[in-house]
């Protein structure tokens, strides 16, 4: 002490004890800071991996793009020290893959624990991807706290055939592996394919053997698309086919497409390209025909220098009249289809849309018969443009064609959506709006009706009903009016459409590019 540290030789022992304690504190602070820094880096790694999974990007993007960008941003906005901290975040390809698996396992474990103690409904569909792999998607809807949740339950490839037996086997194995009870399944919504709804070998039939109380439904989106697909009239069908040929004449030739784009730009057109029609995409008809009708003058100019067999159709008033009607009606059909899409769609909401569509079809038929075109915007604008320059006999013929087509659609819609479904849902008015019910609902016991009277007499619940959505309202009553809530939720649980599966396949196809096969 005296030779090496002479400046401290007169210090008291308390001084050295205080210095020792401060040194120990600094050491512990360094250790805790190091641990916290590692924990933060791991947390950041999980967050980035989660975002990569949501975006469906390749796992290598973290190390090749995200981390360098984050380092550059930190250098520009913060300092070199902060940038150096970012480089400590583990984001290698294997690390990101491992993080995503951890996150998925956590989500699956949480979902399974919820489904083991409540009723649920399923929607499922199968599709083949770009690599020729048959993939089965299953979504589930269930009650959790005061909400009806919708989650992805299963996404797995079918190894061999895509039969009902193979589909059932895969879903049943998943249920057995995770201790899920088929008796809790109240409904299954599918697309109506034979593998799904076959009476003996279909997946739904096999599921019903294990869950006798389970019901099944055909997706309303699919039924609506099938109902409006038929076109028996030769005149309108011919216009549709010729429209597709005109579009293909340009779209199938890259040079013609480029020349047409330049022409549209020179003419100051709203659009610069035509759209392709495909039977698989339900919404394509309306969009394709509307775009063709809007670019009819540009097409007329284009065909002056690029001759085609059907170019005279673009100056034929009768042909354009039919095209305008088809553009209008398929746009309206698209609007109905879009209104049926989305999450949390109940059978009541979907049924309302279909019933409204039926009534509109009846209205349009009566309007066409009386020569009122206000409902058909494109057709009316075209008639105003030509100032009624169509012979009376031709106009009668065209209106008869349109009425016949609308009647065909109406009959087809009635066939796919029979009145029995609507009448059945009418018996559940007490669920849709319990506060307007004046008499005892069907299949209600005296005790249940007594509880129901107490519920509808509560003015605070009436205010709550106006604020919340229908599923939220009935889920909120699960403690105070448990029996009524359970009965209502069981009706609200079934899926009306397979929208989640359709959108799921779209997301899946977007991730499985040729670079990631």
Protein backbone atom coordinates (compact mmCIF):
# COMPACT_ATOMS: atom_id res chain seq x y z
CA UNK A 1 0.00 0.00 0.00
CA UNK A 2 2.78 2.46 0.92
CA UNK A 3 5.03 1.71 -2.08
CA UNK A 4 2.48 1.11 -4.86
CA UNK A 5 -0.44 3.32 -3.70
CA UNK A 6 1.13 5.93 -1.42
CA UNK A 7 -1.75 8.37 -2.08
CA UNK A 8 -4.13 6.00 -0.22
CA UNK A 9 -1.93 5.12 2.76
CA UNK A 10 -3.66 7.67 5.04
CA UNK A 11 -7.20 6.59 4.05
CA UNK A 12 -9.38 4.87 6.64
CA UNK A 13 -10.73 1.33 6.30
CA UNK A 14 -14.27 2.66 5.62
CA UNK A 15 -13.01 4.29 2.42
CA UNK A 16 -11.74 0.97 1.06
CA UNK A 17 -14.94 -0.82 2.05
CA UNK A 18 -16.99 1.80 0.17
CA UNK A 19 -14.77 1.49 -2.92
CA UNK A 20 -15.13 -2.31 -2.82
CA UNK A 21 -18.92 -2.06 -2.69
CA UNK A 22 -19.00 0.36 -5.64
CA UNK A 23 -16.78 -1.97 -7.69
CA UNK A 24 -19.09 -4.93 -6.99
CA UNK A 25 -22.10 -2.83 -8.01
CA UNK A 26 -20.45 -1.84 -11.30
CA UNK A 27 -19.63 -5.48 -12.05
CA UNK A 28 -23.20 -6.60 -11.39
CA UNK A 29 -24.49 -3.73 -13.53
CA UNK A 30 -22.28 -4.81 -16.43
CA UNK A 31 -23.57 -8.40 -16.12
CA UNK A 32 -27.23 -7.31 -15.95
CA UNK A 33 -26.76 -4.94 -18.89
CA UNK A 34 -25.22 -7.74 -20.92
CA UNK A 35 -28.14 -10.05 -20.10
CA UNK A 36 -30.71 -7.36 -20.91
CA UNK A 37 -28.98 -6.60 -24.18
CA UNK A 38 -29.10 -10.28 -25.17
CA UNK A 39 -32.75 -10.53 -24.20
CA UNK A 40 -33.59 -7.46 -26.26
CA UNK A 41 -31.71 -8.86 -29.26
CA UNK A 42 -33.64 -12.14 -28.96
CA UNK A 43 -36.94 -10.29 -28.65
CA UNK A 44 -36.11 -8.20 -31.73
CA UNK A 45 -35.22 -11.39 -33.58
CA UNK A 46 -38.65 -12.86 -32.79
CA UNK A 47 -40.47 -9.68 -33.83
CA UNK A 48 -38.65 -9.50 -37.17
CA UNK A 49 -39.27 -13.22 -37.77
CA UNK A 50 -42.96 -12.69 -37.01
CA UNK A 51 -43.18 -9.90 -39.59
CA UNK A 52 -41.37 -12.02 -42.19
CA UNK A 53 -43.89 -14.81 -41.61
CA UNK A 54 -46.81 -12.37 -41.96
CA UNK A 55 -45.42 -10.99 -45.20
CA UNK A 56 -44.67 -14.49 -46.54
CA UNK A 57 -41.13 -13.51 -47.48
CA UNK A 58 -38.10 -15.77 -47.76
CA UNK A 59 -36.26 -16.23 -44.45
CA UNK A 60 -32.97 -15.01 -45.95
CA UNK A 61 -34.42 -11.52 -46.36
CA UNK A 62 -33.68 -10.78 -42.69
CA UNK A 63 -29.93 -11.11 -43.04
CA UNK A 64 -29.59 -9.89 -46.62
CA UNK A 65 -31.90 -6.87 -46.49
CA UNK A 66 -33.61 -6.08 -43.17
CA UNK A 67 -30.53 -6.04 -40.93
CA UNK A 68 -28.36 -3.96 -43.34
CA UNK A 69 -31.21 -1.47 -43.73
CA UNK A 70 -31.69 -1.23 -39.96
CA UNK A 71 -27.94 -0.66 -39.48
CA UNK A 72 -27.91 2.07 -42.14
CA UNK A 73 -30.92 3.80 -40.54
CA UNK A 74 -29.29 3.68 -37.09
CA UNK A 75 -26.06 5.15 -38.47
CA UNK A 76 -27.90 8.01 -40.16
CA UNK A 77 -30.35 8.88 -37.39
CA UNK A 78 -28.64 7.69 -34.18
CA UNK A 79 -24.93 6.82 -33.95
CA UNK A 80 -22.34 4.13 -34.62
CA UNK A 81 -22.86 2.57 -31.19
CA UNK A 82 -26.57 2.01 -31.83
CA UNK A 83 -25.80 0.57 -35.26
CA UNK A 84 -23.33 -1.82 -33.68
CA UNK A 85 -26.03 -2.99 -31.24
CA UNK A 86 -28.31 -3.87 -34.17
CA UNK A 87 -25.66 -6.14 -35.67
CA UNK A 88 -25.98 -8.32 -32.54
CA UNK A 89 -29.57 -9.27 -33.41
CA UNK A 90 -29.54 -12.92 -34.65
CA UNK A 91 -31.32 -13.04 -38.02
CA UNK A 92 -29.74 -15.86 -39.99
CA UNK A 93 -31.84 -18.08 -42.24
CA UNK A 94 -31.95 -20.97 -39.75
CA UNK A 95 -32.60 -18.65 -36.81
CA UNK A 96 -35.59 -17.01 -38.51
CA UNK A 97 -36.99 -20.43 -39.49
CA UNK A 98 -36.60 -21.62 -35.88
CA UNK A 99 -38.24 -18.48 -34.49
CA UNK A 100 -41.22 -18.86 -36.84
CA UNK A 101 -41.66 -22.49 -35.77
CA UNK A 102 -41.57 -21.40 -32.11
CA UNK A 103 -44.21 -18.74 -32.74
CA UNK A 104 -46.39 -21.18 -34.69
CA UNK A 105 -46.11 -23.80 -31.94
CA UNK A 106 -47.11 -21.23 -29.34
CA UNK A 107 -50.15 -20.14 -31.37
CA UNK A 108 -51.18 -23.75 -32.02
CA UNK A 109 -50.88 -24.69 -28.34
CA UNK A 110 -53.02 -21.70 -27.34
CA UNK A 111 -55.64 -22.51 -29.98
CA UNK A 112 -55.82 -26.19 -29.04
CA UNK A 113 -56.25 -25.35 -25.35
CA UNK A 114 -59.21 -23.12 -26.26
CA UNK A 115 -60.89 -25.68 -28.54
CA UNK A 116 -60.69 -28.47 -25.96
CA UNK A 117 -63.34 -26.81 -23.81
CA UNK A 118 -65.86 -25.23 -26.21
CA UNK A 119 -68.06 -25.84 -29.26
CA UNK A 120 -66.68 -24.87 -32.67
CA UNK A 121 -67.48 -24.96 -36.38
CA UNK A 122 -65.17 -25.72 -39.30
CA UNK A 123 -64.72 -24.64 -42.89
CA UNK A 124 -62.39 -26.62 -45.10
CA UNK A 125 -61.26 -26.79 -48.69
CA UNK A 126 -58.56 -28.45 -50.77
CA UNK A 127 -56.53 -27.03 -53.64
CA UNK A 128 -53.44 -27.86 -55.70
CA UNK A 129 -50.55 -25.38 -55.70
CA UNK A 130 -48.00 -24.40 -58.37
CA UNK A 131 -45.76 -27.33 -57.41
CA UNK A 132 -48.57 -29.87 -57.87
CA UNK A 133 -49.01 -30.33 -54.12
CA UNK A 134 -52.58 -30.90 -52.86
CA UNK A 135 -53.04 -28.75 -49.75
CA UNK A 136 -55.87 -28.99 -47.22
CA UNK A 137 -56.90 -25.84 -45.33
CA UNK A 138 -59.17 -25.97 -42.27
CA UNK A 139 -60.37 -22.89 -40.39
CA UNK A 140 -62.25 -22.90 -37.10
CA UNK A 141 -64.72 -20.51 -35.45
CA UNK A 142 -65.20 -20.72 -31.68
CA UNK A 143 -66.22 -18.63 -28.69
CA UNK A 144 -63.43 -17.12 -26.62
CA UNK A 145 -64.42 -14.77 -23.81
CA UNK A 146 -66.87 -12.27 -25.36
CA UNK A 147 -66.00 -12.85 -29.01
CA UNK A 148 -66.36 -15.41 -31.77
CA UNK A 149 -62.81 -15.97 -32.96
CA UNK A 150 -61.76 -17.29 -36.40
CA UNK A 151 -58.39 -19.02 -36.70
CA UNK A 152 -56.42 -21.29 -39.02
CA UNK A 153 -56.55 -24.81 -37.58
CA UNK A 154 -54.79 -26.92 -40.19
CA UNK A 155 -52.69 -26.44 -43.33
CA UNK A 156 -51.14 -29.70 -44.52
CA UNK A 157 -50.43 -31.41 -47.86
CA UNK A 158 -52.42 -34.52 -48.81
CA UNK A 159 -49.72 -37.12 -49.59
CA UNK A 160 -51.64 -39.20 -52.15
CA UNK A 161 -55.28 -38.93 -53.27
CA UNK A 162 -57.62 -36.01 -52.61
CA UNK A 163 -60.59 -38.25 -51.78
CA UNK A 164 -63.00 -37.77 -48.91
CA UNK A 165 -61.38 -40.66 -47.03
CA UNK A 166 -57.92 -39.05 -47.21
CA UNK A 167 -59.26 -35.63 -46.18
CA UNK A 168 -61.13 -37.13 -43.22
CA UNK A 169 -58.09 -39.20 -42.23
CA UNK A 170 -55.87 -36.14 -42.08
CA UNK A 171 -58.31 -34.04 -40.04
CA UNK A 172 -59.16 -36.97 -37.75
CA UNK A 173 -55.47 -37.65 -37.08
CA UNK A 174 -55.02 -33.99 -36.16
CA UNK A 175 -57.97 -34.19 -33.74
CA UNK A 176 -56.67 -37.39 -32.14
CA UNK A 177 -53.11 -36.03 -31.82
CA UNK A 178 -54.29 -32.91 -30.01
CA UNK A 179 -57.11 -34.51 -27.96
CA UNK A 180 -59.93 -32.61 -29.68
CA UNK A 181 -63.43 -34.04 -29.39
CA UNK A 182 -65.54 -34.35 -32.57
CA UNK A 183 -68.67 -33.98 -30.44
CA UNK A 184 -67.80 -30.30 -29.96
CA UNK A 185 -68.02 -29.70 -33.74
CA UNK A 186 -71.44 -28.17 -34.54
CA UNK A 187 -71.12 -27.46 -38.29
CA UNK A 188 -68.85 -27.93 -41.33
CA UNK A 189 -68.89 -25.55 -44.31
CA UNK A 190 -67.42 -26.79 -47.62
CA UNK A 191 -67.51 -25.95 -51.33
CA UNK A 192 -69.88 -28.76 -52.26
CA UNK A 193 -67.29 -30.93 -54.04
CA UNK A 194 -67.99 -34.69 -54.14
CA UNK A 195 -64.92 -35.44 -52.01
CA UNK A 196 -66.37 -33.21 -49.30
CA UNK A 197 -70.14 -33.83 -49.36
CA UNK A 198 -70.45 -37.31 -50.92
CA UNK A 199 -73.23 -39.22 -49.14
CA UNK A 200 -71.09 -42.21 -48.21
CA UNK A 201 -67.42 -41.56 -48.99
CA UNK A 202 -67.40 -37.78 -48.47
CA UNK A 203 -65.34 -36.25 -45.67
CA UNK A 204 -68.43 -34.64 -44.13
CA UNK A 205 -70.32 -37.95 -44.04
CA UNK A 206 -67.43 -39.61 -42.24
CA UNK A 207 -67.22 -36.75 -39.74
CA UNK A 208 -70.96 -37.03 -39.05
CA UNK A 209 -70.45 -40.68 -38.06
CA UNK A 210 -68.30 -39.41 -35.18
CA UNK A 211 -70.41 -36.29 -34.51
CA UNK A 212 -74.08 -37.16 -35.11
CA UNK A 213 -75.30 -33.68 -34.06
CA UNK A 214 -72.99 -31.92 -36.50
CA UNK A 215 -74.62 -30.17 -39.47
CA UNK A 216 -73.07 -29.19 -42.81
CA UNK A 217 -73.58 -26.34 -45.25
CA UNK A 218 -72.63 -25.50 -48.83
CA UNK A 219 -70.65 -22.25 -49.12
CA UNK A 220 -72.98 -19.40 -50.13
CA UNK A 221 -70.25 -17.81 -52.26
CA UNK A 222 -69.95 -20.99 -54.33
CA UNK A 223 -73.70 -21.37 -54.65
CA UNK A 224 -74.12 -17.77 -55.78
CA UNK A 225 -71.34 -18.18 -58.36
CA UNK A 226 -72.93 -21.38 -59.69
CA UNK A 227 -76.41 -19.85 -59.79
CA UNK A 228 -75.41 -16.97 -62.07
CA UNK A 229 -72.97 -18.94 -64.25
CA UNK A 230 -75.42 -20.41 -66.76
CA UNK A 231 -76.19 -18.49 -69.94
CA UNK A 232 -78.66 -20.42 -72.09
CA UNK A 233 -79.51 -17.54 -74.46
CA UNK A 234 -77.62 -17.71 -77.72
CA UNK A 235 -77.62 -13.94 -78.32
CA UNK A 236 -76.07 -12.95 -74.98
CA UNK A 237 -73.75 -15.98 -74.89
CA UNK A 238 -72.50 -15.10 -78.37
CA UNK A 239 -71.76 -11.51 -77.28
CA UNK A 240 -69.80 -12.79 -74.28
CA UNK A 241 -67.78 -15.23 -76.41
CA UNK A 242 -67.04 -12.58 -79.04
CA UNK A 243 -66.01 -10.12 -76.34
CA UNK A 244 -63.47 -12.64 -75.05
CA UNK A 245 -62.13 -13.15 -78.62
CA UNK A 246 -61.70 -9.39 -79.11
CA UNK A 247 -59.83 -9.12 -75.83
CA UNK A 248 -57.64 -12.15 -76.59
CA UNK A 249 -56.76 -10.73 -80.00
CA UNK A 250 -54.92 -7.92 -78.18
CA UNK A 251 -53.94 -9.47 -74.85
CA UNK A 252 -52.43 -12.63 -76.34
CA UNK A 253 -50.02 -10.62 -78.51
CA UNK A 254 -47.44 -8.51 -76.63
CA UNK A 255 -46.88 -6.19 -79.61
CA UNK A 256 -50.62 -5.50 -79.96
CA UNK A 257 -50.84 -4.87 -76.23
CA UNK A 258 -48.03 -2.29 -76.38
CA UNK A 259 -49.52 -0.55 -79.42
CA UNK A 260 -52.96 -0.44 -77.80
CA UNK A 261 -51.47 1.07 -74.62
CA UNK A 262 -49.79 3.83 -76.67
CA UNK A 263 -53.08 4.52 -78.48
CA UNK A 264 -54.97 4.81 -75.16
CA UNK A 265 -52.34 7.21 -73.82
CA UNK A 266 -52.57 9.37 -76.96
CA UNK A 267 -56.36 9.47 -76.72
CA UNK A 268 -56.22 10.36 -72.99
CA UNK A 269 -58.20 7.26 -71.96
CA UNK A 270 -58.97 6.44 -68.34
CA UNK A 271 -57.61 2.91 -68.85
CA UNK A 272 -54.64 1.69 -70.85
CA UNK A 273 -55.24 -2.06 -71.00
CA UNK A 274 -57.97 -4.67 -71.33
CA UNK A 275 -58.56 -7.38 -68.73
CA UNK A 276 -58.51 -11.14 -69.25
CA UNK A 277 -61.55 -13.29 -68.51
CA UNK A 278 -61.23 -16.65 -66.76
CA UNK A 279 -64.04 -18.95 -65.61
CA UNK A 280 -62.20 -19.79 -62.40
CA UNK A 281 -62.28 -16.20 -61.15
CA UNK A 282 -65.89 -15.36 -60.33
CA UNK A 283 -65.48 -11.58 -60.48
CA UNK A 284 -63.69 -11.46 -63.82
CA UNK A 285 -66.80 -11.36 -66.03
CA UNK A 286 -68.09 -8.07 -64.69
CA UNK A 287 -64.70 -6.35 -64.65
CA UNK A 288 -63.72 -7.59 -68.13
CA UNK A 289 -66.97 -6.50 -69.80
CA UNK A 290 -67.06 -3.09 -68.11
CA UNK A 291 -63.48 -2.39 -69.21
CA UNK A 292 -64.23 -3.55 -72.77
CA UNK A 293 -67.30 -1.32 -72.97
CA UNK A 294 -65.40 1.71 -71.64
CA UNK A 295 -62.63 1.23 -74.24
CA UNK A 296 -64.92 0.51 -77.20
CA UNK A 297 -64.04 3.76 -79.02
CA UNK A 298 -60.30 3.16 -78.50
CA UNK A 299 -60.73 -0.38 -79.84
CA UNK A 300 -62.57 0.97 -82.88
CA UNK A 301 -59.64 3.27 -83.64
CA UNK A 302 -57.14 0.48 -83.03
CA UNK A 303 -58.83 -1.90 -85.47
CA UNK A 304 -58.61 0.64 -88.27
CA UNK A 305 -54.93 -0.29 -88.63
CA UNK A 306 -55.15 -3.84 -87.22
CA UNK A 307 -57.96 -5.64 -88.96
CA UNK A 308 -59.96 -8.35 -87.20
CA UNK A 309 -63.01 -10.42 -88.11
CA UNK A 310 -65.08 -9.02 -85.21
CA UNK A 311 -64.18 -5.34 -85.51
CA UNK A 312 -67.63 -4.49 -86.96
CA UNK A 313 -69.17 -5.54 -83.63
CA UNK A 314 -67.84 -2.35 -82.02
CA UNK A 315 -70.12 -0.25 -84.26
CA UNK A 316 -73.12 -2.60 -84.07
CA UNK A 317 -75.68 -0.91 -81.80
CA UNK A 318 -77.53 -4.15 -81.02
CA UNK A 319 -74.27 -5.88 -80.08
CA UNK A 320 -73.21 -2.95 -77.89
CA UNK A 321 -76.68 -2.88 -76.29
CA UNK A 322 -76.25 -6.52 -75.23
CA UNK A 323 -72.67 -5.85 -74.08
CA UNK A 324 -73.82 -2.89 -71.97
CA UNK A 325 -76.47 -5.05 -70.29
CA UNK A 326 -73.98 -7.86 -69.60
CA UNK A 327 -71.49 -5.38 -68.13
CA UNK A 328 -74.23 -4.02 -65.86
CA UNK A 329 -75.69 -7.32 -64.67
CA UNK A 330 -72.35 -8.97 -63.97
CA UNK A 331 -71.17 -5.87 -62.11
CA UNK A 332 -74.26 -6.17 -59.91
CA UNK A 333 -73.59 -9.87 -59.39
CA UNK A 334 -70.00 -9.01 -58.43
CA UNK A 335 -71.29 -6.51 -55.90
CA UNK A 336 -73.43 -9.20 -54.25
CA UNK A 337 -70.50 -11.62 -54.24
CA UNK A 338 -68.20 -9.03 -52.64
CA UNK A 339 -70.78 -8.25 -49.95
CA UNK A 340 -70.77 -11.93 -48.96
CA UNK A 341 -66.99 -11.98 -48.52
CA UNK A 342 -65.14 -11.08 -45.35
CA UNK A 343 -64.62 -12.31 -41.83
CA UNK A 344 -67.29 -12.79 -39.14
CA UNK A 345 -70.07 -13.25 -41.72
CA UNK A 346 -73.00 -15.03 -40.05
CA UNK A 347 -75.72 -17.09 -41.73
CA UNK A 348 -78.18 -14.27 -41.01
CA UNK A 349 -76.11 -11.63 -42.82
CA UNK A 350 -75.49 -13.88 -45.83
CA UNK A 351 -79.16 -14.87 -46.06
CA UNK A 352 -80.20 -11.20 -46.02
CA UNK A 353 -77.92 -10.49 -48.99
CA UNK A 354 -79.35 -13.40 -50.99
CA UNK A 355 -82.96 -12.46 -50.23
CA UNK A 356 -82.23 -8.88 -51.28
CA UNK A 357 -80.68 -10.18 -54.51
CA UNK A 358 -83.84 -12.20 -55.29
CA UNK A 359 -86.04 -9.13 -54.79
CA UNK A 360 -83.74 -7.01 -56.95
CA UNK A 361 -83.93 -9.57 -59.76
CA UNK A 362 -87.73 -9.38 -59.65
CA UNK A 363 -87.50 -5.58 -59.70
CA UNK A 364 -85.11 -5.56 -62.67
CA UNK A 365 -87.40 -7.88 -64.64
CA UNK A 366 -90.37 -5.57 -64.11
CA UNK A 367 -88.26 -2.50 -64.97
CA UNK A 368 -87.00 -4.00 -68.25
CA UNK A 369 -90.55 -4.97 -69.21
CA UNK A 370 -91.66 -1.38 -68.72
CA UNK A 371 -88.51 -0.10 -70.52
CA UNK A 372 -87.06 1.52 -67.37
CA UNK A 373 -83.25 1.39 -67.49
CA UNK A 374 -82.37 3.45 -64.40
CA UNK A 375 -81.04 0.36 -62.60
CA UNK A 376 -78.63 -0.40 -65.46
CA UNK A 377 -76.28 2.58 -65.52
CA UNK A 378 -74.00 1.54 -68.40
CA UNK A 379 -76.92 0.48 -70.58
CA UNK A 380 -78.87 3.68 -69.86
CA UNK A 381 -75.87 5.89 -70.67
CA UNK A 382 -75.42 4.03 -73.96
CA UNK A 383 -79.09 4.50 -74.87
CA UNK A 384 -78.80 8.21 -74.08
CA UNK A 385 -75.63 8.36 -76.21
CA UNK A 386 -77.28 6.86 -79.30
CA UNK A 387 -80.46 8.82 -78.53
CA UNK A 388 -82.72 5.77 -78.90
CA UNK A 389 -81.43 5.00 -82.40
CA UNK A 390 -82.73 1.41 -82.30
CA UNK A 391 -85.81 0.10 -84.11
CA UNK A 392 -88.83 -0.57 -81.91
CA UNK A 393 -88.96 -4.22 -82.98
CA UNK A 394 -85.26 -4.69 -82.17
CA UNK A 395 -85.72 -3.00 -78.79
CA UNK A 396 -88.59 -5.36 -77.95
CA UNK A 397 -86.46 -8.34 -78.94
CA UNK A 398 -83.53 -7.12 -76.82
CA UNK A 399 -85.72 -6.46 -73.79
CA UNK A 400 -87.27 -9.92 -74.11
CA UNK A 401 -83.78 -11.45 -74.18
CA UNK A 402 -82.77 -9.52 -71.07
CA UNK A 403 -85.98 -10.47 -69.22
CA UNK A 404 -85.48 -14.12 -70.13
CA UNK A 405 -81.87 -14.02 -68.88
CA UNK A 406 -82.90 -12.35 -65.61
CA UNK A 407 -85.65 -14.93 -65.12
CA UNK A 408 -83.11 -17.72 -65.69
CA UNK A 409 -80.85 -16.22 -63.03
CA UNK A 410 -83.80 -15.81 -60.63
CA UNK A 411 -84.92 -19.43 -61.08
CA UNK A 412 -81.35 -20.65 -60.64
CA UNK A 413 -80.91 -18.59 -57.46
CA UNK A 414 -84.18 -19.98 -56.08
CA UNK A 415 -82.95 -23.48 -56.86
CA UNK A 416 -79.64 -23.00 -55.03
CA UNK A 417 -81.23 -20.99 -52.19
CA UNK A 418 -84.63 -22.58 -51.47
CA UNK A 419 -87.20 -20.78 -49.33
CA UNK A 420 -86.90 -23.51 -46.69
CA UNK A 421 -83.57 -22.04 -45.60
CA UNK A 422 -85.09 -18.59 -45.23
CA UNK A 423 -88.08 -19.93 -43.27
CA UNK A 424 -85.77 -21.85 -40.96
CA UNK A 425 -83.78 -18.70 -40.18
CA UNK A 426 -86.99 -16.78 -39.52
CA UNK A 427 -87.60 -19.05 -36.52
CA UNK A 428 -84.43 -17.57 -35.00
CA UNK A 429 -85.74 -14.02 -34.84
CA UNK A 430 -85.18 -14.12 -31.09
CA UNK A 431 -81.43 -14.28 -31.81
CA UNK A 432 -81.38 -11.53 -34.45
CA UNK A 433 -83.35 -9.05 -32.35
CA UNK A 434 -84.68 -10.44 -29.06
CA UNK A 435 -86.27 -7.12 -28.10
CA UNK A 436 -88.93 -7.23 -30.84
CA UNK A 437 -90.14 -10.77 -30.01
CA UNK A 438 -93.75 -10.72 -28.84
CA UNK A 439 -94.47 -14.41 -28.35
CA UNK A 440 -92.73 -17.52 -27.14
CA UNK A 441 -90.09 -18.70 -29.65
CA UNK A 442 -90.24 -22.22 -31.07
CA UNK A 443 -88.66 -25.03 -29.02
CA UNK A 444 -88.47 -22.82 -25.92
CA UNK A 445 -89.42 -24.45 -22.64
CA UNK A 446 -91.46 -22.45 -20.14
CA UNK A 447 -88.38 -22.01 -17.97
CA UNK A 448 -86.30 -20.75 -20.91
CA UNK A 449 -89.01 -18.32 -21.93
CA UNK A 450 -89.22 -17.03 -18.37
CA UNK A 451 -85.48 -16.28 -18.43
CA UNK A 452 -85.86 -14.77 -21.91
CA UNK A 453 -88.56 -12.38 -20.59
CA UNK A 454 -86.21 -11.24 -17.83
CA UNK A 455 -83.52 -10.58 -20.41
CA UNK A 456 -85.62 -8.54 -22.87
CA UNK A 457 -87.09 -6.54 -19.99
CA UNK A 458 -83.64 -5.28 -19.04
CA UNK A 459 -83.29 -1.80 -20.62
CA UNK A 460 -79.51 -1.76 -20.09
CA UNK A 461 -79.20 -4.88 -22.26
CA UNK A 462 -81.23 -3.19 -24.97
CA UNK A 463 -78.69 -0.35 -25.06
CA UNK A 464 -75.89 -2.93 -25.16
CA UNK A 465 -77.58 -4.70 -28.09
CA UNK A 466 -77.51 -1.48 -30.12
CA UNK A 467 -73.78 -0.94 -29.49
CA UNK A 468 -72.37 -4.45 -30.02
CA UNK A 469 -72.40 -6.80 -32.99
CA UNK A 470 -74.75 -9.78 -32.80
CA UNK A 471 -72.07 -12.38 -31.83
CA UNK A 472 -70.52 -10.01 -29.28
CA UNK A 473 -73.89 -9.34 -27.64
CA UNK A 474 -74.72 -13.01 -27.12
CA UNK A 475 -71.18 -13.87 -26.01
CA UNK A 476 -71.36 -11.08 -23.42
CA UNK A 477 -74.38 -12.80 -21.80
CA UNK A 478 -72.53 -16.08 -21.26
CA UNK A 479 -72.45 -15.66 -17.47
CA UNK A 480 -75.71 -13.84 -16.71
CA UNK A 481 -77.89 -15.82 -19.15
CA UNK A 482 -75.74 -18.87 -19.81
CA UNK A 483 -78.39 -21.16 -21.35
CA UNK A 484 -79.74 -18.55 -23.78
CA UNK A 485 -76.24 -17.43 -24.70
CA UNK A 486 -75.13 -21.00 -25.42
CA UNK A 487 -78.23 -21.64 -27.54
CA UNK A 488 -77.73 -18.46 -29.58
CA UNK A 489 -73.98 -18.91 -30.05
CA UNK A 490 -74.56 -22.43 -31.38
CA UNK A 491 -76.66 -20.91 -34.21
CA UNK A 492 -74.13 -18.13 -34.86
CA UNK A 493 -71.09 -20.44 -34.92
CA UNK A 494 -71.50 -22.01 -38.41
CA UNK A 495 -69.58 -20.43 -41.27
CA UNK A 496 -71.72 -19.06 -44.09
CA UNK A 497 -68.90 -19.15 -46.66
CA UNK A 498 -65.45 -20.65 -47.27
CA UNK A 499 -64.03 -17.14 -47.72
CA UNK A 500 -61.18 -17.79 -45.27
CA UNK A 501 -60.08 -20.87 -47.22
CA UNK A 502 -60.25 -19.00 -50.54
CA UNK A 503 -58.24 -16.06 -49.22
CA UNK A 504 -55.91 -18.50 -47.46
CA UNK A 505 -55.11 -20.24 -50.74
CA UNK A 506 -54.46 -16.85 -52.34
CA UNK A 507 -51.96 -15.99 -49.60
CA UNK A 508 -50.41 -19.45 -49.85
CA UNK A 509 -50.03 -19.16 -53.64
CA UNK A 510 -48.38 -15.74 -53.23
CA UNK A 511 -45.70 -17.21 -50.94
CA UNK A 512 -45.03 -20.34 -53.01
CA UNK A 513 -43.36 -18.80 -56.03
CA UNK A 514 -41.03 -20.64 -58.41
CA UNK A 515 -38.12 -19.39 -56.29
CA UNK A 516 -39.49 -21.05 -53.16
CA UNK A 517 -40.84 -24.37 -54.46
